[in-house]
C-alpha atoms as a PDB file:
ATOM      1  CA  GLY A   1       0.336  -0.165   0.264  1.00  0.00           C
ATOM      2  CA  GLU A   2       3.383   2.432   0.193  1.00  0.00           C
ATOM      3  CA  ARG A   3       3.177   4.845  -2.336  1.00  0.00           C
ATOM      4  CA  GLU A   4       6.991   6.194  -2.605  1.00  0.00           C
ATOM      5  CA  SER A   5      10.277   3.728  -2.032  1.00  0.00           C
ATOM      6  CA  GLY A   6      13.800   4.946  -2.146  1.00  0.00           C
ATOM      7  CA  ILE A   7      17.544   5.511  -0.705  1.00  0.00           C
ATOM      8  CA  THR A   8      18.843   6.858   1.755  1.00  0.00           C
ATOM      9  CA  ILE A   9      22.964   7.419   1.194  1.00  0.00           C
ATOM     10  CA  HIS A  10      24.062   7.452   4.545  1.00  0.00           C
ATOM     11  CA  TYR A  11      27.649   7.480   6.079  1.00  0.00           C
ATOM     12  CA  THR A  12      28.183   4.216   8.233  1.00  0.00           C
ATOM     13  CA  ASN A  13      29.835   3.058  11.409  1.00  0.00           C
ATOM     14  CA  GLU A  14      29.948   0.527  13.268  1.00  0.00           C
ATOM     15  CA  ARG A  15      26.691   0.207  14.068  1.00  0.00           C
ATOM     16  CA  TYR A  16      24.379  -1.234  10.796  1.00  0.00           C
ATOM     17  CA  ASP A  17      22.092   1.520   9.094  1.00  0.00           C
ATOM     18  CA  GLU A  18      23.098   4.622  11.567  1.00  0.00           C
ATOM     19  CA  GLY A  19      24.999   6.420  10.205  1.00  0.00           C
ATOM     20  CA  ALA A  20      24.197  10.193  10.048  1.00  0.00           C
ATOM     21  CA  VAL A  21      21.593  10.151   6.729  1.00  0.00           C
ATOM     22  CA  ILE A  22      23.750  12.417   3.644  1.00  0.00           C
ATOM     23  CA  CYS A  23      20.921  12.376   1.605  1.00  0.00           C
ATOM     24  CA  GLN A  24      16.873  10.656   0.489  1.00  0.00           C
ATOM     25  CA  LEU A  25      15.885  10.006  -2.869  1.00  0.00           C
ATOM     26  CA  LYS A  26      12.597   8.626  -3.727  1.00  0.00           C
ATOM     27  CA  CYS A  27       9.989   6.914  -6.305  1.00  0.00           C
ATOM     28  CA  PRO A  28       6.960   6.205  -7.334  1.00  0.00           C
ATOM     29  CA  VAL A  29       5.431   2.628  -6.564  1.00  0.00           C
ATOM     30  CA  MET A  30       2.925   2.390  -9.218  1.00  0.00           C
ATOM     31  CA  PRO A  31      -0.164   0.127  -9.184  1.00  0.00           C
ATOM     32  CA  ASP A  32       0.904  -2.455 -11.487  1.00  0.00           C
ATOM     33  CA  ASP A  33       4.434  -2.903  -9.915  1.00  0.00           C
ATOM     34  CA  THR A  34       5.798  -6.259  -9.177  1.00  0.00           C
ATOM     35  CA  PRO A  35       9.071  -7.018  -6.774  1.00  0.00           C
ATOM     36  CA  ASP A  36      11.372  -6.450  -9.697  1.00  0.00           C
ATOM     37  CA  SER A  37      10.314  -3.551 -11.300  1.00  0.00           C
ATOM     38  CA  LEU A  38      10.241  -1.375  -8.083  1.00  0.00           C
ATOM     39  CA  ALA A  39      13.702  -3.135  -7.232  1.00  0.00           C
ATOM     40  CA  GLN A  40      15.093  -1.728 -11.137  1.00  0.00           C
ATOM     41  CA  ARG A  41      13.304   1.683 -10.419  1.00  0.00           C
ATOM     42  CA  ILE A  42      15.309   1.634  -7.196  1.00  0.00           C
ATOM     43  CA  HIS A  43      18.391   0.067  -8.421  1.00  0.00           C
ATOM     44  CA  GLN A  44      18.017   3.476 -11.487  1.00  0.00           C
ATOM     45  CA  LEU A  45      18.025   6.452  -8.026  1.00  0.00           C
ATOM     46  CA  GLU A  46      21.185   4.276  -7.336  1.00  0.00           C
ATOM     47  CA  TYR A  47      22.982   4.394 -10.597  1.00  0.00           C
ATOM     48  CA  GLU A  48      22.846   7.902 -11.060  1.00  0.00           C
ATOM     49  CA  HIS A  49      22.516   9.321  -7.366  1.00  0.00           C
ATOM     50  CA  TYR A  50      25.824   7.486  -5.658  1.00  0.00           C
ATOM     51  CA  PRO A  51      28.617   8.498  -7.858  1.00  0.00           C
ATOM     52  CA  ARG A  52      26.987  12.523  -7.805  1.00  0.00           C
ATOM     53  CA  VAL A  53      27.408  12.545  -3.605  1.00  0.00           C
ATOM     54  CA  ILE A  54      30.458  10.420  -3.987  1.00  0.00           C
ATOM     55  CA  GLU A  55      32.099  13.039  -6.189  1.00  0.00           C
ATOM     56  CA  ARG A  56      30.922  15.855  -4.424  1.00  0.00           C
ATOM     57  CA  LEU A  57      31.788  14.639  -1.158  1.00  0.00           C
ATOM     58  CA  LEU A  58      35.398  13.963  -2.724  1.00  0.00           C
ATOM     59  CA  GLN A  59      35.229  17.925  -3.365  1.00  0.00           C
ATOM     60  CA  GLY A  60      33.869  19.020  -0.026  1.00  0.00           C
ATOM     61  CA  GLU A  61      30.689  19.891  -0.294  1.00  0.00           C
ATOM     62  CA  ALA A  62      28.390  19.667   2.910  1.00  0.00           C
ATOM     63  CA  SER A  63      24.836  19.771   1.384  1.00  0.00           C
ATOM     64  CA  PHE A  64      22.559  17.552  -0.863  1.00  0.00           C
END
């Protein structure tokens, strides 16, 4: 019944998924989505945004 899904890019620490959030990005959940079609949309967010976030962090940018 969710309308959105997405990804959270965060710093890592000694505890699983508890690092400070760098950014969050959303995508719609379509009525006819299957687990595979939704996963594909989520992976697209990862492929598009992880390199950009890493590049900005390497350049010293702190806000997204």
